[in-house]
C-alpha atoms as a PDB file:
ATOM      1  CA  UNK A   1      15.095  -4.830   3.368  1.00  0.00           C
ATOM      2  CA  UNK A   2      13.804  -1.193   3.687  1.00  0.00           C
ATOM      3  CA  UNK A   3      10.952  -0.352  -0.110  1.00  0.00           C
ATOM      4  CA  UNK A   4      11.759   3.660  -0.567  1.00  0.00           C
ATOM      5  CA  UNK A   5       8.733   5.243  -1.952  1.00  0.00           C
ATOM      6  CA  UNK A   6       8.856   7.772  -4.169  1.00  0.00           C
ATOM      7  CA  UNK A   7       5.437  10.143  -4.822  1.00  0.00           C
ATOM      8  CA  UNK A   8       4.229   9.186  -0.767  1.00  0.00           C
ATOM      9  CA  UNK A   9       2.719  12.475  -0.082  1.00  0.00           C
ATOM     10  CA  UNK A  10       0.008  12.326  -2.373  1.00  0.00           C
ATOM     11  CA  UNK A  11      -3.544  10.895  -3.096  1.00  0.00           C
ATOM     12  CA  UNK A  12      -1.965   7.278  -4.026  1.00  0.00           C
ATOM     13  CA  UNK A  13       1.383   7.210  -2.200  1.00  0.00           C
ATOM     14  CA  UNK A  14       0.345   8.356   1.353  1.00  0.00           C
ATOM     15  CA  UNK A  15      -2.195   5.269   1.133  1.00  0.00           C
ATOM     16  CA  UNK A  16       0.839   2.965  -0.057  1.00  0.00           C
ATOM     17  CA  UNK A  17       2.854   4.117   3.060  1.00  0.00           C
ATOM     18  CA  UNK A  18       0.535   3.575   5.105  1.00  0.00           C
ATOM     19  CA  UNK A  19      -0.165   0.159   3.799  1.00  0.00           C
ATOM     20  CA  UNK A  20       3.771  -0.753   4.163  1.00  0.00           C
ATOM     21  CA  UNK A  21       3.978   0.360   7.368  1.00  0.00           C
ATOM     22  CA  UNK A  22       0.832  -1.746   8.364  1.00  0.00           C
ATOM     23  CA  UNK A  23       2.361  -4.922   6.783  1.00  0.00           C
ATOM     24  CA  UNK A  24       5.268  -4.531   8.783  1.00  0.00           C
ATOM     25  CA  UNK A  25       7.253  -3.274   5.878  1.00  0.00           C
ATOM     26  CA  UNK A  26      10.725  -0.738   6.736  1.00  0.00           C
ATOM     27  CA  UNK A  27       9.796   2.529   4.983  1.00  0.00           C
ATOM     28  CA  UNK A  28      11.527   5.101   3.765  1.00  0.00           C
ATOM     29  CA  UNK A  29      10.351   8.590   1.780  1.00  0.00           C
ATOM     30  CA  UNK A  30      11.518  11.032  -0.727  1.00  0.00           C
ATOM     31  CA  UNK A  31       9.680  14.515   0.034  1.00  0.00           C
ATOM     32  CA  UNK A  32      10.575  17.974  -0.349  1.00  0.00           C
ATOM     33  CA  UNK A  33       9.542  19.759   2.571  1.00  0.00           C
ATOM     34  CA  UNK A  34       9.964  16.699   5.704  1.00  0.00           C
ATOM     35  CA  UNK A  35       7.980  19.460   7.848  1.00  0.00           C
ATOM     36  CA  UNK A  36       4.672  18.615   6.106  1.00  0.00           C
ATOM     37  CA  UNK A  37       5.066  14.861   5.716  1.00  0.00           C
ATOM     38  CA  UNK A  38       3.408  13.652   8.793  1.00  0.00           C
ATOM     39  CA  UNK A  39       3.997  10.128   8.147  1.00  0.00           C
ATOM     40  CA  UNK A  40       3.236   7.346  10.660  1.00  0.00           C
ATOM     41  CA  UNK A  41       6.040   6.481  13.651  1.00  0.00           C
ATOM     42  CA  UNK A  42       8.764   4.526  12.123  1.00  0.00           C
ATOM     43  CA  UNK A  43       9.263   5.992   8.661  1.00  0.00           C
ATOM     44  CA  UNK A  44      12.432   7.434   7.263  1.00  0.00           C
ATOM     45  CA  UNK A  45      12.003  10.268   5.661  1.00  0.00           C
ATOM     46  CA  UNK A  46      14.912  11.424   2.391  1.00  0.00           C
ATOM     47  CA  UNK A  47      14.679  15.472   1.737  1.00  0.00           C
ATOM     48  CA  UNK A  48      14.893  16.221  -1.938  1.00  0.00           C
ATOM     49  CA  UNK A  49      13.235  15.526  -5.484  1.00  0.00           C
ATOM     50  CA  UNK A  50      13.926  13.803  -8.244  1.00  0.00           C
ATOM     51  CA  UNK A  51      16.024  16.369 -10.537  1.00  0.00           C
ATOM     52  CA  UNK A  52      18.636  16.748  -6.846  1.00  0.00           C
ATOM     53  CA  UNK A  53      21.159  14.292  -8.212  1.00  0.00           C
ATOM     54  CA  UNK A  54      23.178  14.118  -4.494  1.00  0.00           C
ATOM     55  CA  UNK A  55      19.613  14.373  -2.874  1.00  0.00           C
ATOM     56  CA  UNK A  56      18.301  10.787  -5.464  1.00  0.00           C
ATOM     57  CA  UNK A  57      21.257   8.756  -4.949  1.00  0.00           C
ATOM     58  CA  UNK A  58      21.492   9.837  -0.713  1.00  0.00           C
ATOM     59  CA  UNK A  59      17.599   8.113  -0.844  1.00  0.00           C
ATOM     60  CA  UNK A  60      18.961   4.997  -2.851  1.00  0.00           C
ATOM     61  CA  UNK A  61      21.237   4.324  -0.175  1.00  0.00           C
ATOM     62  CA  UNK A  62      20.587   0.665   1.336  1.00  0.00           C
ATOM     63  CA  UNK A  63      17.504   0.145  -1.159  1.00  0.00           C
ATOM     64  CA  UNK A  64      16.645  -2.861  -3.499  1.00  0.00           C
ATOM     65  CA  UNK A  65      13.167  -2.373  -3.840  1.00  0.00           C
ATOM     66  CA  UNK A  66      11.166   1.282  -5.476  1.00  0.00           C
ATOM     67  CA  UNK A  67       7.674   2.463  -5.558  1.00  0.00           C
ATOM     68  CA  UNK A  68       7.997   5.546  -8.310  1.00  0.00           C
ATOM     69  CA  UNK A  69       4.973   7.793  -8.671  1.00  0.00           C
ATOM     70  CA  UNK A  70       6.195  10.982 -10.317  1.00  0.00           C
ATOM     71  CA  UNK A  71       3.585  13.731 -10.609  1.00  0.00           C
ATOM     72  CA  UNK A  72       1.895  14.932 -14.154  1.00  0.00           C
ATOM     73  CA  UNK A  73       4.911  18.192 -14.390  1.00  0.00           C
ATOM     74  CA  UNK A  74       6.111  19.455 -17.584  1.00  0.00           C
ATOM     75  CA  UNK A  75      10.029  17.485 -16.628  1.00  0.00           C
ATOM     76  CA  UNK A  76       8.438  14.128 -15.247  1.00  0.00           C
ATOM     77  CA  UNK A  77       9.926  12.035 -18.703  1.00  0.00           C
ATOM     78  CA  UNK A  78      12.953  13.824 -17.155  1.00  0.00           C
ATOM     79  CA  UNK A  79      12.305  12.810 -14.070  1.00  0.00           C
ATOM     80  CA  UNK A  80      11.570   9.406 -14.284  1.00  0.00           C
ATOM     81  CA  UNK A  81      14.475   8.313 -17.228  1.00  0.00           C
ATOM     82  CA  UNK A  82      16.600   9.826 -14.480  1.00  0.00           C
ATOM     83  CA  UNK A  83      15.185   8.057 -11.707  1.00  0.00           C
ATOM     84  CA  UNK A  84      15.507   4.472 -13.254  1.00  0.00           C
ATOM     85  CA  UNK A  85      18.931   5.559 -14.447  1.00  0.00           C
ATOM     86  CA  UNK A  86      19.396   6.823 -10.973  1.00  0.00           C
ATOM     87  CA  UNK A  87      18.071   3.646  -8.860  1.00  0.00           C
ATOM     88  CA  UNK A  88      20.243   1.124 -11.169  1.00  0.00           C
ATOM     89  CA  UNK A  89      23.305   2.436 -10.205  1.00  0.00           C
ATOM     90  CA  UNK A  90      22.373   2.197  -6.894  1.00  0.00           C
ATOM     91  CA  UNK A  91      21.702  -1.552  -6.693  1.00  0.00           C
ATOM     92  CA  UNK A  92      17.893  -1.103  -7.008  1.00  0.00           C
ATOM     93  CA  UNK A  93      16.420  -4.163  -8.941  1.00  0.00           C
ATOM     94  CA  UNK A  94      12.376  -4.276  -7.935  1.00  0.00           C
ATOM     95  CA  UNK A  95      10.338  -1.525  -9.001  1.00  0.00           C
ATOM     96  CA  UNK A  96       6.545  -0.934  -8.643  1.00  0.00           C
ATOM     97  CA  UNK A  97       5.603   1.915 -11.403  1.00  0.00           C
ATOM     98  CA  UNK A  98       2.529   3.443 -11.296  1.00  0.00           C
ATOM     99  CA  UNK A  99       1.583   4.093 -15.170  1.00  0.00           C
ATOM    100  CA  UNK A 100      -1.416   4.854 -16.524  1.00  0.00           C
ATOM    101  CA  UNK A 101      -4.621   2.548 -18.078  1.00  0.00           C
ATOM    102  CA  UNK A 102      -3.941   2.598 -21.660  1.00  0.00           C
ATOM    103  CA  UNK A 103      -1.042   3.844 -21.474  1.00  0.00           C
ATOM    104  CA  UNK A 104      -0.114   2.136 -24.880  1.00  0.00           C
ATOM    105  CA  UNK A 105      -2.989   3.548 -26.824  1.00  0.00           C
ATOM    106  CA  UNK A 106      -3.786   7.263 -25.687  1.00  0.00           C
ATOM    107  CA  UNK A 107       0.322   8.448 -26.991  1.00  0.00           C
ATOM    108  CA  UNK A 108      -1.007  11.848 -27.926  1.00  0.00           C
ATOM    109  CA  UNK A 109      -1.516  12.601 -24.284  1.00  0.00           C
ATOM    110  CA  UNK A 110       1.663  14.084 -22.669  1.00  0.00           C
ATOM    111  CA  UNK A 111       1.704  11.925 -19.688  1.00  0.00           C
ATOM    112  CA  UNK A 112       0.473   8.099 -21.303  1.00  0.00           C
ATOM    113  CA  UNK A 113       3.475   8.708 -23.500  1.00  0.00           C
ATOM    114  CA  UNK A 114       5.623   9.595 -20.754  1.00  0.00           C
ATOM    115  CA  UNK A 115       4.374   6.162 -18.640  1.00  0.00           C
ATOM    116  CA  UNK A 116       4.917   4.786 -21.595  1.00  0.00           C
ATOM    117  CA  UNK A 117       8.879   5.582 -22.185  1.00  0.00           C
ATOM    118  CA  UNK A 118       9.595   4.727 -18.477  1.00  0.00           C
ATOM    119  CA  UNK A 119       7.261   0.949 -19.245  1.00  0.00           C
ATOM    120  CA  UNK A 120       9.991   0.633 -22.022  1.00  0.00           C
ATOM    121  CA  UNK A 121      12.826   1.770 -20.005  1.00  0.00           C
ATOM    122  CA  UNK A 122      12.145  -1.106 -17.128  1.00  0.00           C
ATOM    123  CA  UNK A 123      11.069  -3.562 -20.023  1.00  0.00           C
ATOM    124  CA  UNK A 124      15.161  -3.033 -21.487  1.00  0.00           C
ATOM    125  CA  UNK A 125      16.729  -2.134 -17.792  1.00  0.00           C
ATOM    126  CA  UNK A 126      16.032  -5.861 -16.659  1.00  0.00           C
ATOM    127  CA  UNK A 127      14.202  -4.640 -14.101  1.00  0.00           C
ATOM    128  CA  UNK A 128      11.563  -6.672 -11.640  1.00  0.00           C
ATOM    129  CA  UNK A 129       8.532  -4.645 -12.071  1.00  0.00           C
ATOM    130  CA  UNK A 130       5.214  -4.563 -11.513  1.00  0.00           C
ATOM    131  CA  UNK A 131       3.227  -2.175 -13.805  1.00  0.00           C
ATOM    132  CA  UNK A 132       0.350  -0.898 -12.220  1.00  0.00           C
ATOM    133  CA  UNK A 133      -2.228   0.987 -14.732  1.00  0.00           C
ATOM    134  CA  UNK A 134      -5.081   2.698 -13.298  1.00  0.00           C
ATOM    135  CA  UNK A 135      -7.864   4.403 -14.371  1.00  0.00           C
ATOM    136  CA  UNK A 136      -9.231   7.677 -13.946  1.00  0.00           C
ATOM    137  CA  UNK A 137      -9.190   7.775 -10.001  1.00  0.00           C
ATOM    138  CA  UNK A 138     -12.482   8.626  -8.227  1.00  0.00           C
ATOM    139  CA  UNK A 139     -10.234  10.704  -5.839  1.00  0.00           C
ATOM    140  CA  UNK A 140     -10.004  13.675  -8.571  1.00  0.00           C
ATOM    141  CA  UNK A 141     -13.718  13.718  -8.540  1.00  0.00           C
ATOM    142  CA  UNK A 142     -13.323  16.371  -5.391  1.00  0.00           C
ATOM    143  CA  UNK A 143     -12.100  18.995  -7.758  1.00  0.00           C
ATOM    144  CA  UNK A 144     -15.191  18.995  -9.458  1.00  0.00           C
ATOM    145  CA  UNK A 145     -17.926  18.077  -6.346  1.00  0.00           C
ATOM    146  CA  UNK A 146     -18.510  21.849  -5.339  1.00  0.00           C
ATOM    147  CA  UNK A 147     -19.666  22.075  -9.205  1.00  0.00           C
ATOM    148  CA  UNK A 148     -21.991  19.183  -8.891  1.00  0.00           C
ATOM    149  CA  UNK A 149     -23.449  20.391  -4.839  1.00  0.00           C
ATOM    150  CA  UNK A 150     -24.085  24.098  -5.548  1.00  0.00           C
ATOM    151  CA  UNK A 151     -24.387  24.277  -9.654  1.00  0.00           C
ATOM    152  CA  UNK A 152     -26.319  20.726  -9.837  1.00  0.00           C
ATOM    153  CA  UNK A 153     -24.003  19.781 -13.116  1.00  0.00           C
ATOM    154  CA  UNK A 154     -21.785  17.052 -13.414  1.00  0.00           C
ATOM    155  CA  UNK A 155     -18.965  18.898 -15.569  1.00  0.00           C
ATOM    156  CA  UNK A 156     -16.455  16.458 -16.590  1.00  0.00           C
ATOM    157  CA  UNK A 157     -16.634  15.238 -19.819  1.00  0.00           C
ATOM    158  CA  UNK A 158     -16.325  11.504 -19.685  1.00  0.00           C
ATOM    159  CA  UNK A 159     -18.671  10.375 -22.624  1.00  0.00           C
ATOM    160  CA  UNK A 160     -20.557   7.387 -23.411  1.00  0.00           C
ATOM    161  CA  UNK A 161     -18.569   5.047 -24.025  1.00  0.00           C
ATOM    162  CA  UNK A 162     -17.299   4.314 -19.619  1.00  0.00           C
ATOM    163  CA  UNK A 163     -15.064   4.949 -17.438  1.00  0.00           C
ATOM    164  CA  UNK A 164     -13.973   2.461 -14.468  1.00  0.00           C
ATOM    165  CA  UNK A 165     -13.199   4.918 -12.261  1.00  0.00           C
ATOM    166  CA  UNK A 166     -10.523   3.154  -9.511  1.00  0.00           C
ATOM    167  CA  UNK A 167     -10.398   4.608  -5.664  1.00  0.00           C
ATOM    168  CA  UNK A 168      -7.085   5.519  -5.038  1.00  0.00           C
ATOM    169  CA  UNK A 169      -7.000   3.371  -1.942  1.00  0.00           C
ATOM    170  CA  UNK A 170      -7.541   0.082  -3.672  1.00  0.00           C
ATOM    171  CA  UNK A 171      -4.243   1.064  -5.872  1.00  0.00           C
ATOM    172  CA  UNK A 172      -2.178   1.534  -3.137  1.00  0.00           C
ATOM    173  CA  UNK A 173      -3.016  -1.601  -1.240  1.00  0.00           C
ATOM    174  CA  UNK A 174      -2.517  -3.136  -4.459  1.00  0.00           C
ATOM    175  CA  UNK A 175       1.218  -1.731  -4.673  1.00  0.00           C
ATOM    176  CA  UNK A 176       2.115  -2.195  -1.067  1.00  0.00           C
ATOM    177  CA  UNK A 177       1.057  -6.001  -2.203  1.00  0.00           C
ATOM    178  CA  UNK A 178       3.500  -5.944  -5.096  1.00  0.00           C
ATOM    179  CA  UNK A 179       6.180  -4.132  -3.468  1.00  0.00           C
ATOM    180  CA  UNK A 180       6.261  -6.696  -0.235  1.00  0.00           C
ATOM    181  CA  UNK A 181       6.140  -9.409  -2.768  1.00  0.00           C
ATOM    182  CA  UNK A 182       8.742  -8.420  -4.913  1.00  0.00           C
ATOM    183  CA  UNK A 183      11.035  -6.955  -2.336  1.00  0.00           C
ATOM    184  CA  UNK A 184      10.129 -10.815   0.194  1.00  0.00           C
ATOM    185  CA  UNK A 185      10.974 -12.654  -3.235  1.00  0.00           C
ATOM    186  CA  UNK A 186      14.284 -15.191  -3.073  1.00  0.00           C
ATOM    187  CA  UNK A 187      15.493 -13.720  -6.807  1.00  0.00           C
ATOM    188  CA  UNK A 188      13.802 -11.173  -9.301  1.00  0.00           C
ATOM    189  CA  UNK A 189      10.341 -11.808 -10.847  1.00  0.00           C
ATOM    190  CA  UNK A 190       9.550 -11.134 -14.414  1.00  0.00           C
ATOM    191  CA  UNK A 191       8.037  -7.738 -15.692  1.00  0.00           C
ATOM    192  CA  UNK A 192       3.892  -7.844 -14.771  1.00  0.00           C
ATOM    193  CA  UNK A 193       1.455  -5.488 -15.627  1.00  0.00           C
ATOM    194  CA  UNK A 194      -1.553  -5.046 -13.716  1.00  0.00           C
ATOM    195  CA  UNK A 195      -4.781  -3.069 -14.987  1.00  0.00           C
ATOM    196  CA  UNK A 196      -6.716  -1.283 -12.184  1.00  0.00           C
ATOM    197  CA  UNK A 197      -9.899   0.217 -12.023  1.00  0.00           C
ATOM    198  CA  UNK A 198     -13.159   0.239 -10.085  1.00  0.00           C
ATOM    199  CA  UNK A 199     -16.276  -2.192 -10.245  1.00  0.00           C
ATOM    200  CA  UNK A 200     -18.276  -0.078 -12.491  1.00  0.00           C
ATOM    201  CA  UNK A 201     -17.298   1.140 -15.901  1.00  0.00           C
ATOM    202  CA  UNK A 202     -19.725   4.225 -15.938  1.00  0.00           C
ATOM    203  CA  UNK A 203     -20.163   6.740 -18.277  1.00  0.00           C
ATOM    204  CA  UNK A 204     -21.268  10.648 -17.905  1.00  0.00           C
ATOM    205  CA  UNK A 205     -24.640  10.000 -17.484  1.00  0.00           C
ATOM    206  CA  UNK A 206     -24.300   7.399 -15.343  1.00  0.00           C
ATOM    207  CA  UNK A 207     -22.152   9.212 -12.616  1.00  0.00           C
ATOM    208  CA  UNK A 208     -25.035  12.775 -13.133  1.00  0.00           C
ATOM    209  CA  UNK A 209     -27.554   9.836 -12.090  1.00  0.00           C
ATOM    210  CA  UNK A 210     -25.666   8.322  -8.974  1.00  0.00           C
ATOM    211  CA  UNK A 211     -25.304  12.142  -7.590  1.00  0.00           C
ATOM    212  CA  UNK A 212     -29.409  12.772  -8.343  1.00  0.00           C
ATOM    213  CA  UNK A 213     -29.532   9.333  -6.519  1.00  0.00           C
ATOM    214  CA  UNK A 214     -27.494  10.573  -3.559  1.00  0.00           C
ATOM    215  CA  UNK A 215     -28.580  14.072  -3.640  1.00  0.00           C
ATOM    216  CA  UNK A 216     -32.192  13.223  -3.827  1.00  0.00           C
ATOM    217  CA  UNK A 217     -32.231  16.488  -6.714  1.00  0.00           C
ATOM    218  CA  UNK A 218     -31.684  16.028 -10.489  1.00  0.00           C
ATOM    219  CA  UNK A 219     -28.146  16.341 -11.827  1.00  0.00           C
ATOM    220  CA  UNK A 220     -27.226  17.212 -15.123  1.00  0.00           C
ATOM    221  CA  UNK A 221     -24.600  15.542 -16.854  1.00  0.00           C
ATOM    222  CA  UNK A 222     -22.567  19.054 -18.784  1.00  0.00           C
ATOM    223  CA  UNK A 223     -22.042  17.080 -21.629  1.00  0.00           C
ATOM    224  CA  UNK A 224     -19.034  15.870 -24.075  1.00  0.00           C
ATOM    225  CA  UNK A 225     -16.974  19.192 -24.456  1.00  0.00           C
ATOM    226  CA  UNK A 226     -13.552  19.259 -23.654  1.00  0.00           C
ATOM    227  CA  UNK A 227     -12.680  22.340 -25.333  1.00  0.00           C
ATOM    228  CA  UNK A 228     -14.756  24.044 -22.473  1.00  0.00           C
ATOM    229  CA  UNK A 229     -13.366  21.667 -19.481  1.00  0.00           C
ATOM    230  CA  UNK A 230      -9.824  23.581 -20.612  1.00  0.00           C
ATOM    231  CA  UNK A 231     -11.280  26.350 -20.144  1.00  0.00           C
ATOM    232  CA  UNK A 232     -12.400  25.839 -16.580  1.00  0.00           C
ATOM    233  CA  UNK A 233      -9.475  24.272 -15.832  1.00  0.00           C
ATOM    234  CA  UNK A 234      -7.271  27.003 -17.002  1.00  0.00           C
ATOM    235  CA  UNK A 235      -8.070  29.251 -14.384  1.00  0.00           C
ATOM    236  CA  UNK A 236      -6.769  27.003 -11.428  1.00  0.00           C
ATOM    237  CA  UNK A 237      -3.728  24.771 -13.565  1.00  0.00           C
ATOM    238  CA  UNK A 238      -0.942  26.089 -16.136  1.00  0.00           C
ATOM    239  CA  UNK A 239      -2.674  26.674 -19.483  1.00  0.00           C
ATOM    240  CA  UNK A 240      -0.653  23.481 -20.627  1.00  0.00           C
ATOM    241  CA  UNK A 241      -2.034  20.906 -18.103  1.00  0.00           C
ATOM    242  CA  UNK A 242      -5.142  22.530 -19.217  1.00  0.00           C
ATOM    243  CA  UNK A 243      -4.469  21.153 -22.319  1.00  0.00           C
ATOM    244  CA  UNK A 244      -3.501  18.279 -21.443  1.00  0.00           C
ATOM    245  CA  UNK A 245      -6.763  17.369 -19.197  1.00  0.00           C
ATOM    246  CA  UNK A 246      -8.991  18.222 -22.384  1.00  0.00           C
ATOM    247  CA  UNK A 247      -6.436  15.806 -24.472  1.00  0.00           C
ATOM    248  CA  UNK A 248      -6.873  13.282 -21.702  1.00  0.00           C
ATOM    249  CA  UNK A 249     -11.217  13.537 -21.701  1.00  0.00           C
ATOM    250  CA  UNK A 250     -11.451  13.618 -25.471  1.00  0.00           C
ATOM    251  CA  UNK A 251      -9.922   9.672 -25.010  1.00  0.00           C
ATOM    252  CA  UNK A 252     -12.355   9.373 -22.426  1.00  0.00           C
ATOM    253  CA  UNK A 253     -14.974  10.868 -24.889  1.00  0.00           C
ATOM    254  CA  UNK A 254     -13.532   8.790 -28.290  1.00  0.00           C
ATOM    255  CA  UNK A 255     -12.765   6.087 -26.552  1.00  0.00           C
ATOM    256  CA  UNK A 256     -13.930   5.713 -23.077  1.00  0.00           C
ATOM    257  CA  UNK A 257     -11.206   3.419 -20.505  1.00  0.00           C
ATOM    258  CA  UNK A 258     -12.776   0.502 -20.315  1.00  0.00           C
ATOM    259  CA  UNK A 259     -10.921  -2.527 -18.260  1.00  0.00           C
ATOM    260  CA  UNK A 260     -10.309  -5.768 -19.849  1.00  0.00           C
ATOM    261  CA  UNK A 261     -12.374  -9.290 -19.105  1.00  0.00           C
ATOM    262  CA  UNK A 262     -11.354 -10.650 -16.059  1.00  0.00           C
ATOM    263  CA  UNK A 263      -9.905  -7.169 -14.741  1.00  0.00           C
ATOM    264  CA  UNK A 264     -12.695  -6.552 -11.686  1.00  0.00           C
ATOM    265  CA  UNK A 265     -12.603 -10.523 -10.467  1.00  0.00           C
ATOM    266  CA  UNK A 266      -8.666 -10.495 -10.555  1.00  0.00           C
ATOM    267  CA  UNK A 267      -7.985  -7.484  -7.972  1.00  0.00           C
ATOM    268  CA  UNK A 268     -11.397  -8.278  -5.466  1.00  0.00           C
ATOM    269  CA  UNK A 269      -9.131 -11.831  -5.729  1.00  0.00           C
ATOM    270  CA  UNK A 270      -6.128  -9.965  -4.552  1.00  0.00           C
ATOM    271  CA  UNK A 271      -7.614  -7.553  -1.813  1.00  0.00           C
ATOM    272  CA  UNK A 272      -9.501 -10.454  -0.591  1.00  0.00           C
ATOM    273  CA  UNK A 273     -12.820  -7.907  -0.522  1.00  0.00           C
ATOM    274  CA  UNK A 274     -15.064  -5.717  -3.060  1.00  0.00           C
ATOM    275  CA  UNK A 275     -13.081  -2.702  -4.956  1.00  0.00           C
ATOM    276  CA  UNK A 276     -14.881   0.900  -3.731  1.00  0.00           C
ATOM    277  CA  UNK A 277     -17.339   2.499  -5.661  1.00  0.00           C
ATOM    278  CA  UNK A 278     -18.141   5.797  -7.339  1.00  0.00           C
ATOM    279  CA  UNK A 279     -21.265   6.065  -5.012  1.00  0.00           C
ATOM    280  CA  UNK A 280     -19.750   5.510  -2.230  1.00  0.00           C
ATOM    281  CA  UNK A 281     -17.187   8.354  -2.949  1.00  0.00           C
ATOM    282  CA  UNK A 282     -21.057  10.720  -4.330  1.00  0.00           C
ATOM    283  CA  UNK A 283     -22.584   9.044  -0.534  1.00  0.00           C
ATOM    284  CA  UNK A 284     -19.452  10.575   1.516  1.00  0.00           C
ATOM    285  CA  UNK A 285     -18.991  13.709  -0.100  1.00  0.00           C
ATOM    286  CA  UNK A 286     -22.850  14.682   0.015  1.00  0.00           C
ATOM    287  CA  UNK A 287     -23.794  17.052   3.053  1.00  0.00           C
ATOM    288  CA  UNK A 288     -25.435  15.001   5.786  1.00  0.00           C
ATOM    289  CA  UNK A 289     -29.013  15.350   6.240  1.00  0.00           C
ATOM    290  CA  UNK A 290     -30.562  18.528   8.013  1.00  0.00           C
ATOM    291  CA  UNK A 291     -32.001  17.839  11.453  1.00  0.00           C
ATOM    292  CA  UNK A 292     -36.210  18.006  11.073  1.00  0.00           C
END
């Protein structure tokens, strides 16, 4: 059967498509602008968006298995509710849904609360689902690497409890494994939740130290000030979203984003390789050494 990927143009979704294609799966993606899609040969592209019901219904034609990743937006919950209802109407019964780690604890953070609601829908509507709960993405750090490189400060207020940052490639590979497992199963499988974390649980000071070692010069941690982070974010994103990022950072500072016992070992066993680390990201982002 063809697997429908929603959220295929983002940091995780593109890797999900690549992983599915490399495993021989038939893939369809839903995207607003097919001209910018640039997916591997053989991927079927359906034009539309989640609140375009006609396009959504067309995209679900002949689909049994769905990967759903809907981005943070003001109407994220409406998108999730509509999509899962249309999926159910179309006969889709197998879903891999990208939620967020600790969705059930950080309910004052809007996109955490949205994902908890979607998880509940999957349970109550009797889907055969894998719920992926990733930690904070290492890949998000691309937004702040210039601050590190140019100003010598790591600005993300992630606190001293620790955050087990995860690489988007690891999320995507686990998603592809689960999509194919569910799609090929002879019947519906029970709901399962998988925490997606990185190999290291890092504090703000830890991350600054990694950058210091990689760059060969001191990098300072900017401190635990989510309000200052909100002000910075508001300079290049909507104010409501910057406030949401502040609420998320406040949870990092107060609670951290810690793995459960056995999470790292479970993921390593699933992938058959070590997880990608923050140090790898920092090393790749560092400028190449100048010739002597």
